[in-house]
């Protein structure tokens, strides 16, 4: 499976969205976004959700092929 940071970058570029736009929408600095997209900074869950929801306007599961939903269901069953 392709790393999430690569999926985010590819999606952003394919939609013609700039890092500056994502920065404005999420409050994450351009420098940090660049570092995340290049794999130099760990993509934390909070940042991932902000980028997906506020930056792109999509459900985070769009980028995870349902992995997050499957994990959530597993955790709920175990509880």
PDB file of N, CA and C in Angstrom:
ATOM      1  N   UNK A   1       0.843  -1.180   0.000  1.00  0.00           N
ATOM      2  CA  UNK A   1       0.000   0.000   0.000  1.00  0.00           C
ATOM      3  C   UNK A   1       0.891   1.246   0.000  1.00  0.00           C
ATOM      4  N   UNK A   2       0.519   2.192  -0.819  1.00  0.00           N
ATOM      5  CA  UNK A   2       1.261   3.446  -0.940  1.00  0.00           C
ATOM      6  C   UNK A   2       1.123   4.264   0.338  1.00  0.00           C
ATOM      7  N   UNK A   3       2.217   4.877   0.810  1.00  0.00           N
ATOM      8  CA  UNK A   3       2.139   5.696   2.027  1.00  0.00           C
ATOM      9  C   UNK A   3       1.128   6.834   1.880  1.00  0.00           C
ATOM     10  N   UNK A   4       0.474   7.167   2.989  1.00  0.00           N
ATOM     11  CA  UNK A   4      -0.542   8.223   2.967  1.00  0.00           C
ATOM     12  C   UNK A   4       0.012   9.566   2.503  1.00  0.00           C
ATOM     13  N   UNK A   5       1.227   9.884   2.936  1.00  0.00           N
ATOM     14  CA  UNK A   5       1.767  11.192   2.553  1.00  0.00           C
ATOM     15  C   UNK A   5       1.879  11.299   1.032  1.00  0.00           C
ATOM     16  N   UNK A   6       2.186  10.206   0.355  1.00  0.00           N
ATOM     17  CA  UNK A   6       2.271  10.238  -1.107  1.00  0.00           C
ATOM     18  C   UNK A   6       0.879  10.388  -1.728  1.00  0.00           C
ATOM     19  N   UNK A   7      -0.093   9.704  -1.151  1.00  0.00           N
ATOM     20  CA  UNK A   7      -1.464   9.812  -1.658  1.00  0.00           C
ATOM     21  C   UNK A   7      -1.982  11.241  -1.523  1.00  0.00           C
ATOM     22  N   UNK A   8      -1.689  11.869  -0.380  1.00  0.00           N
ATOM     23  CA  UNK A   8      -2.134  13.246  -0.170  1.00  0.00           C
ATOM     24  C   UNK A   8      -1.521  14.177  -1.206  1.00  0.00           C
ATOM     25  N   UNK A   9      -0.220  14.027  -1.432  1.00  0.00           N
ATOM     26  CA  UNK A   9       0.472  14.894  -2.386  1.00  0.00           C
ATOM     27  C   UNK A   9      -0.075  14.682  -3.797  1.00  0.00           C
ATOM     28  N   UNK A  10      -0.216  13.430  -4.188  1.00  0.00           N
ATOM     29  CA  UNK A  10      -0.721  13.137  -5.531  1.00  0.00           C
ATOM     30  C   UNK A  10      -2.131  13.692  -5.729  1.00  0.00           C
ATOM     31  N   UNK A  11      -2.964  13.550  -4.700  1.00  0.00           N
ATOM     32  CA  UNK A  11      -4.332  14.065  -4.796  1.00  0.00           C
ATOM     33  C   UNK A  11      -4.315  15.583  -4.911  1.00  0.00           C
ATOM     34  N   UNK A  12      -3.527  16.232  -4.064  1.00  0.00           N
ATOM     35  CA  UNK A  12      -3.447  17.695  -4.086  1.00  0.00           C
ATOM     36  C   UNK A  12      -3.032  18.186  -5.465  1.00  0.00           C
ATOM     37  N   UNK A  13      -2.003  17.587  -6.016  1.00  0.00           N
ATOM     38  CA  UNK A  13      -1.506  18.002  -7.330  1.00  0.00           C
ATOM     39  C   UNK A  13      -2.546  17.721  -8.418  1.00  0.00           C
ATOM     40  N   UNK A  14      -3.176  16.557  -8.348  1.00  0.00           N
ATOM     41  CA  UNK A  14      -4.164  16.196  -9.378  1.00  0.00           C
ATOM     42  C   UNK A  14      -5.361  17.143  -9.393  1.00  0.00           C
ATOM     43  N   UNK A  15      -5.667  17.737  -8.247  1.00  0.00           N
ATOM     44  CA  UNK A  15      -6.800  18.660  -8.147  1.00  0.00           C
ATOM     45  C   UNK A  15      -6.385  20.115  -8.338  1.00  0.00           C
ATOM     46  N   UNK A  16      -5.082  20.348  -8.536  1.00  0.00           N
ATOM     47  CA  UNK A  16      -4.599  21.708  -8.735  1.00  0.00           C
ATOM     48  C   UNK A  16      -4.662  22.560  -7.477  1.00  0.00           C
ATOM     49  N   UNK A  17      -4.569  21.927  -6.327  1.00  0.00           N
ATOM     50  CA  UNK A  17      -4.625  22.625  -5.042  1.00  0.00           C
ATOM     51  C   UNK A  17      -3.203  22.898  -4.572  1.00  0.00           C
ATOM     52  N   UNK A  18      -2.960  24.112  -4.116  1.00  0.00           N
ATOM     53  CA  UNK A  18      -1.617  24.465  -3.647  1.00  0.00           C
ATOM     54  C   UNK A  18      -1.446  24.151  -2.158  1.00  0.00           C
ATOM     55  N   UNK A  19      -0.197  24.045  -1.761  1.00  0.00           N
ATOM     56  CA  UNK A  19       0.086  23.874  -0.333  1.00  0.00           C
ATOM     57  C   UNK A  19      -0.371  25.104   0.435  1.00  0.00           C
ATOM     58  N   UNK A  20      -0.284  26.259  -0.173  1.00  0.00           N
ATOM     59  CA  UNK A  20      -0.733  27.490   0.476  1.00  0.00           C
ATOM     60  C   UNK A  20      -2.221  27.418   0.791  1.00  0.00           C
ATOM     61  N   UNK A  21      -3.011  26.897  -0.131  1.00  0.00           N
ATOM     62  CA  UNK A  21      -4.446  26.737   0.110  1.00  0.00           C
ATOM     63  C   UNK A  21      -4.678  25.791   1.289  1.00  0.00           C
ATOM     64  N   UNK A  22      -3.999  24.659   1.277  1.00  0.00           N
ATOM     65  CA  UNK A  22      -4.149  23.684   2.363  1.00  0.00           C
ATOM     66  C   UNK A  22      -3.737  24.321   3.687  1.00  0.00           C
ATOM     67  N   UNK A  23      -2.670  25.089   3.662  1.00  0.00           N
ATOM     68  CA  UNK A  23      -2.195  25.767   4.866  1.00  0.00           C
ATOM     69  C   UNK A  23      -3.250  26.724   5.411  1.00  0.00           C
ATOM     70  N   UNK A  24      -3.855  27.494   4.546  1.00  0.00           N
ATOM     71  CA  UNK A  24      -4.901  28.436   4.965  1.00  0.00           C
ATOM     72  C   UNK A  24      -6.109  27.709   5.548  1.00  0.00           C
ATOM     73  N   UNK A  25      -6.477  26.611   4.942  1.00  0.00           N
ATOM     74  CA  UNK A  25      -7.670  25.874   5.369  1.00  0.00           C
ATOM     75  C   UNK A  25      -7.453  25.093   6.669  1.00  0.00           C
ATOM     76  N   UNK A  26      -6.214  24.675   6.911  1.00  0.00           N
ATOM     77  CA  UNK A  26      -5.943  23.791   8.052  1.00  0.00           C
ATOM     78  C   UNK A  26      -5.170  24.435   9.191  1.00  0.00           C
ATOM     79  N   UNK A  27      -4.441  25.506   8.893  1.00  0.00           N
ATOM     80  CA  UNK A  27      -3.576  26.101   9.907  1.00  0.00           C
ATOM     81  C   UNK A  27      -2.228  25.415  10.016  1.00  0.00           C
ATOM     82  N   UNK A  28      -1.971  24.441   9.158  1.00  0.00           N
ATOM     83  CA  UNK A  28      -0.675  23.759   9.117  1.00  0.00           C
ATOM     84  C   UNK A  28       0.242  24.573   8.208  1.00  0.00           C
ATOM     85  N   UNK A  29       1.447  24.864   8.661  1.00  0.00           N
ATOM     86  CA  UNK A  29       2.347  25.715   7.881  1.00  0.00           C
ATOM     87  C   UNK A  29       2.748  25.058   6.561  1.00  0.00           C
ATOM     88  N   UNK A  30       3.082  25.904   5.578  1.00  0.00           N
ATOM     89  CA  UNK A  30       3.567  25.402   4.290  1.00  0.00           C
ATOM     90  C   UNK A  30       4.795  24.521   4.476  1.00  0.00           C
ATOM     91  N   UNK A  31       5.693  24.950   5.363  1.00  0.00           N
ATOM     92  CA  UNK A  31       6.921  24.178   5.595  1.00  0.00           C
ATOM     93  C   UNK A  31       6.603  22.785   6.122  1.00  0.00           C
ATOM     94  N   UNK A  32       5.669  22.705   7.053  1.00  0.00           N
ATOM     95  CA  UNK A  32       5.304  21.402   7.608  1.00  0.00           C
ATOM     96  C   UNK A  32       4.609  20.551   6.554  1.00  0.00           C
ATOM     97  N   UNK A  33       3.712  21.139   5.765  1.00  0.00           N
ATOM     98  CA  UNK A  33       3.044  20.396   4.700  1.00  0.00           C
ATOM     99  C   UNK A  33       4.057  19.826   3.714  1.00  0.00           C
ATOM    100  N   UNK A  34       5.024  20.642   3.336  1.00  0.00           N
ATOM    101  CA  UNK A  34       6.060  20.188   2.416  1.00  0.00           C
ATOM    102  C   UNK A  34       6.839  19.024   3.019  1.00  0.00           C
ATOM    103  N   UNK A  35       7.190  19.160   4.274  1.00  0.00           N
ATOM    104  CA  UNK A  35       7.941  18.112   4.956  1.00  0.00           C
ATOM    105  C   UNK A  35       7.132  16.813   5.056  1.00  0.00           C
ATOM    106  N   UNK A  36       5.840  16.940   5.330  1.00  0.00           N
ATOM    107  CA  UNK A  36       4.962  15.765   5.379  1.00  0.00           C
ATOM    108  C   UNK A  36       4.894  15.107   4.010  1.00  0.00           C
ATOM    109  N   UNK A  37       4.655  15.915   2.972  1.00  0.00           N
ATOM    110  CA  UNK A  37       4.505  15.382   1.620  1.00  0.00           C
ATOM    111  C   UNK A  37       5.773  14.713   1.103  1.00  0.00           C
ATOM    112  N   UNK A  38       6.903  15.121   1.610  1.00  0.00           N
ATOM    113  CA  UNK A  38       8.174  14.522   1.200  1.00  0.00           C
ATOM    114  C   UNK A  38       8.592  13.357   2.090  1.00  0.00           C
ATOM    115  N   UNK A  39       7.765  13.051   3.092  1.00  0.00           N
ATOM    116  CA  UNK A  39       8.070  11.933   3.973  1.00  0.00           C
ATOM    117  C   UNK A  39       9.115  12.234   5.024  1.00  0.00           C
ATOM    118  N   UNK A  40       9.437  13.522   5.206  1.00  0.00           N
ATOM    119  CA  UNK A  40      10.456  13.905   6.185  1.00  0.00           C
ATOM    120  C   UNK A  40       9.894  14.131   7.580  1.00  0.00           C
ATOM    121  N   UNK A  41       8.593  14.367   7.669  1.00  0.00           N
ATOM    122  CA  UNK A  41       7.904  14.551   8.942  1.00  0.00           C
ATOM    123  C   UNK A  41       6.786  13.529   9.024  1.00  0.00           C
ATOM    124  N   UNK A  42       6.662  12.908  10.168  1.00  0.00           N
ATOM    125  CA  UNK A  42       5.613  11.912  10.364  1.00  0.00           C
ATOM    126  C   UNK A  42       4.239  12.541  10.171  1.00  0.00           C
ATOM    127  N   UNK A  43       3.399  11.863   9.444  1.00  0.00           N
ATOM    128  CA  UNK A  43       2.025  12.316   9.241  1.00  0.00           C
ATOM    129  C   UNK A  43       1.197  11.829  10.421  1.00  0.00           C
ATOM    130  N   UNK A  44       0.906  12.745  11.325  1.00  0.00           N
ATOM    131  CA  UNK A  44       0.127  12.391  12.512  1.00  0.00           C
ATOM    132  C   UNK A  44      -1.362  12.361  12.163  1.00  0.00           C
ATOM    133  N   UNK A  45      -2.101  11.579  12.924  1.00  0.00           N
ATOM    134  CA  UNK A  45      -3.529  11.389  12.655  1.00  0.00           C
ATOM    135  C   UNK A  45      -4.282  12.717  12.618  1.00  0.00           C
ATOM    136  N   UNK A  46      -4.005  13.604  13.566  1.00  0.00           N
ATOM    137  CA  UNK A  46      -4.707  14.888  13.605  1.00  0.00           C
ATOM    138  C   UNK A  46      -4.461  15.705  12.333  1.00  0.00           C
ATOM    139  N   UNK A  47      -3.211  15.735  11.894  1.00  0.00           N
ATOM    140  CA  UNK A  47      -2.880  16.474  10.680  1.00  0.00           C
ATOM    141  C   UNK A  47      -3.513  15.818   9.457  1.00  0.00           C
ATOM    142  N   UNK A  48      -3.482  14.506   9.403  1.00  0.00           N
ATOM    143  CA  UNK A  48      -4.090  13.777   8.286  1.00  0.00           C
ATOM    144  C   UNK A  48      -5.577  14.115   8.165  1.00  0.00           C
ATOM    145  N   UNK A  49      -6.274  14.093   9.291  1.00  0.00           N
ATOM    146  CA  UNK A  49      -7.706  14.386   9.288  1.00  0.00           C
ATOM    147  C   UNK A  49      -7.962  15.836   8.875  1.00  0.00           C
ATOM    148  N   UNK A  50      -7.169  16.768   9.400  1.00  0.00           N
ATOM    149  CA  UNK A  50      -7.318  18.178   9.012  1.00  0.00           C
ATOM    150  C   UNK A  50      -7.127  18.369   7.511  1.00  0.00           C
ATOM    151  N   UNK A  51      -6.092  17.746   6.979  1.00  0.00           N
ATOM    152  CA  UNK A  51      -5.802  17.900   5.554  1.00  0.00           C
ATOM    153  C   UNK A  51      -6.935  17.317   4.716  1.00  0.00           C
ATOM    154  N   UNK A  52      -7.372  16.123   5.070  1.00  0.00           N
ATOM    155  CA  UNK A  52      -8.435  15.479   4.290  1.00  0.00           C
ATOM    156  C   UNK A  52      -9.737  16.264   4.372  1.00  0.00           C
ATOM    157  N   UNK A  53     -10.162  16.576   5.603  1.00  0.00           N
ATOM    158  CA  UNK A  53     -11.481  17.186   5.798  1.00  0.00           C
ATOM    159  C   UNK A  53     -11.491  18.677   5.463  1.00  0.00           C
ATOM    160  N   UNK A  54     -10.612  19.436   6.081  1.00  0.00           N
ATOM    161  CA  UNK A  54     -10.630  20.888   5.869  1.00  0.00           C
ATOM    162  C   UNK A  54      -9.873  21.310   4.615  1.00  0.00           C
ATOM    163  N   UNK A  55      -8.812  20.603   4.303  1.00  0.00           N
ATOM    164  CA  UNK A  55      -8.022  20.962   3.126  1.00  0.00           C
ATOM    165  C   UNK A  55      -8.656  20.525   1.818  1.00  0.00           C
ATOM    166  N   UNK A  56      -9.142  19.271   1.790  1.00  0.00           N
ATOM    167  CA  UNK A  56      -9.701  18.720   0.555  1.00  0.00           C
ATOM    168  C   UNK A  56     -11.216  18.564   0.572  1.00  0.00           C
ATOM    169  N   UNK A  57     -11.824  18.585   1.755  1.00  0.00           N
ATOM    170  CA  UNK A  57     -13.263  18.414   1.845  1.00  0.00           C
ATOM    171  C   UNK A  57     -13.723  16.991   1.583  1.00  0.00           C
ATOM    172  N   UNK A  58     -12.865  16.023   1.941  1.00  0.00           N
ATOM    173  CA  UNK A  58     -13.229  14.617   1.747  1.00  0.00           C
ATOM    174  C   UNK A  58     -13.102  13.861   3.063  1.00  0.00           C
ATOM    175  N   UNK A  59     -13.773  12.730   3.136  1.00  0.00           N
ATOM    176  CA  UNK A  59     -13.664  11.851   4.292  1.00  0.00           C
ATOM    177  C   UNK A  59     -12.269  11.238   4.298  1.00  0.00           C
ATOM    178  N   UNK A  60     -11.595  11.178   5.448  1.00  0.00           N
ATOM    179  CA  UNK A  60     -10.254  10.592   5.497  1.00  0.00           C
ATOM    180  C   UNK A  60     -10.180   9.182   4.917  1.00  0.00           C
ATOM    181  N   UNK A  61     -11.269   8.427   5.001  1.00  0.00           N
ATOM    182  CA  UNK A  61     -11.232   7.057   4.480  1.00  0.00           C
ATOM    183  C   UNK A  61     -11.041   7.027   2.968  1.00  0.00           C
ATOM    184  N   UNK A  62     -11.268   8.156   2.300  1.00  0.00           N
ATOM    185  CA  UNK A  62     -11.019   8.262   0.863  1.00  0.00           C
ATOM    186  C   UNK A  62      -9.575   7.884   0.538  1.00  0.00           C
ATOM    187  N   UNK A  63      -8.649   8.241   1.426  1.00  0.00           N
ATOM    188  CA  UNK A  63      -7.229   7.993   1.204  1.00  0.00           C
ATOM    189  C   UNK A  63      -6.741   6.663   1.765  1.00  0.00           C
ATOM    190  N   UNK A  64      -7.556   6.017   2.558  1.00  0.00           N
ATOM    191  CA  UNK A  64      -7.091   4.815   3.246  1.00  0.00           C
ATOM    192  C   UNK A  64      -7.732   3.538   2.732  1.00  0.00           C
ATOM    193  N   UNK A  65      -8.492   3.647   1.677  1.00  0.00           N
ATOM    194  CA  UNK A  65      -9.158   2.478   1.100  1.00  0.00           C
ATOM    195  C   UNK A  65      -9.979   1.734   2.137  1.00  0.00           C
ATOM    196  N   UNK A  66     -10.584   2.486   3.054  1.00  0.00           N
ATOM    197  CA  UNK A  66     -11.428   1.873   4.081  1.00  0.00           C
ATOM    198  C   UNK A  66     -10.681   1.266   5.242  1.00  0.00           C
ATOM    199  N   UNK A  67      -9.361   1.373   5.277  1.00  0.00           N
ATOM    200  CA  UNK A  67      -8.571   0.781   6.354  1.00  0.00           C
ATOM    201  C   UNK A  67      -8.974   1.353   7.706  1.00  0.00           C
ATOM    202  N   UNK A  68      -9.222   2.653   7.771  1.00  0.00           N
ATOM    203  CA  UNK A  68      -9.597   3.271   9.040  1.00  0.00           C
ATOM    204  C   UNK A  68     -10.943   2.758   9.524  1.00  0.00           C
ATOM    205  N   UNK A  69     -11.909   2.630   8.640  1.00  0.00           N
ATOM    206  CA  UNK A  69     -13.229   2.134   9.034  1.00  0.00           C
ATOM    207  C   UNK A  69     -13.147   0.692   9.512  1.00  0.00           C
ATOM    208  N   UNK A  70     -12.363  -0.125   8.831  1.00  0.00           N
ATOM    209  CA  UNK A  70     -12.206  -1.522   9.222  1.00  0.00           C
ATOM    210  C   UNK A  70     -11.580  -1.610  10.602  1.00  0.00           C
ATOM    211  N   UNK A  71     -10.559  -0.807  10.849  1.00  0.00           N
ATOM    212  CA  UNK A  71      -9.887  -0.803  12.153  1.00  0.00           C
ATOM    213  C   UNK A  71     -10.848  -0.336  13.236  1.00  0.00           C
ATOM    214  N   UNK A  72     -11.636   0.682  12.939  1.00  0.00           N
ATOM    215  CA  UNK A  72     -12.621   1.200  13.905  1.00  0.00           C
ATOM    216  C   UNK A  72     -13.613   0.105  14.269  1.00  0.00           C
ATOM    217  N   UNK A  73     -14.124  -0.609  13.275  1.00  0.00           N
ATOM    218  CA  UNK A  73     -15.092  -1.683  13.531  1.00  0.00           C
ATOM    219  C   UNK A  73     -14.457  -2.788  14.371  1.00  0.00           C
ATOM    220  N   UNK A  74     -13.208  -3.115  14.103  1.00  0.00           N
ATOM    221  CA  UNK A  74     -12.503  -4.143  14.878  1.00  0.00           C
ATOM    222  C   UNK A  74     -12.384  -3.707  16.347  1.00  0.00           C
ATOM    223  N   UNK A  75     -12.026  -2.461  16.555  1.00  0.00           N
ATOM    224  CA  UNK A  75     -11.861  -1.954  17.923  1.00  0.00           C
ATOM    225  C   UNK A  75     -13.186  -1.957  18.662  1.00  0.00           C
ATOM    226  N   UNK A  76     -14.269  -1.596  17.965  1.00  0.00           N
ATOM    227  CA  UNK A  76     -15.586  -1.582  18.609  1.00  0.00           C
ATOM    228  C   UNK A  76     -16.040  -2.993  18.990  1.00  0.00           C
ATOM    229  N   UNK A  77     -15.718  -3.966  18.161  1.00  0.00           N
ATOM    230  CA  UNK A  77     -16.084  -5.351  18.459  1.00  0.00           C
ATOM    231  C   UNK A  77     -15.326  -5.864  19.685  1.00  0.00           C
ATOM    232  N   UNK A  78     -14.066  -5.423  19.830  1.00  0.00           N
ATOM    233  CA  UNK A  78     -13.221  -5.874  20.927  1.00  0.00           C
ATOM    234  C   UNK A  78     -13.630  -5.236  22.251  1.00  0.00           C
ATOM    235  N   UNK A  79     -14.293  -4.096  22.183  1.00  0.00           N
ATOM    236  CA  UNK A  79     -14.653  -3.353  23.409  1.00  0.00           C
ATOM    237  C   UNK A  79     -15.822  -3.981  24.142  1.00  0.00           C
TER     238      UNK A  79
END
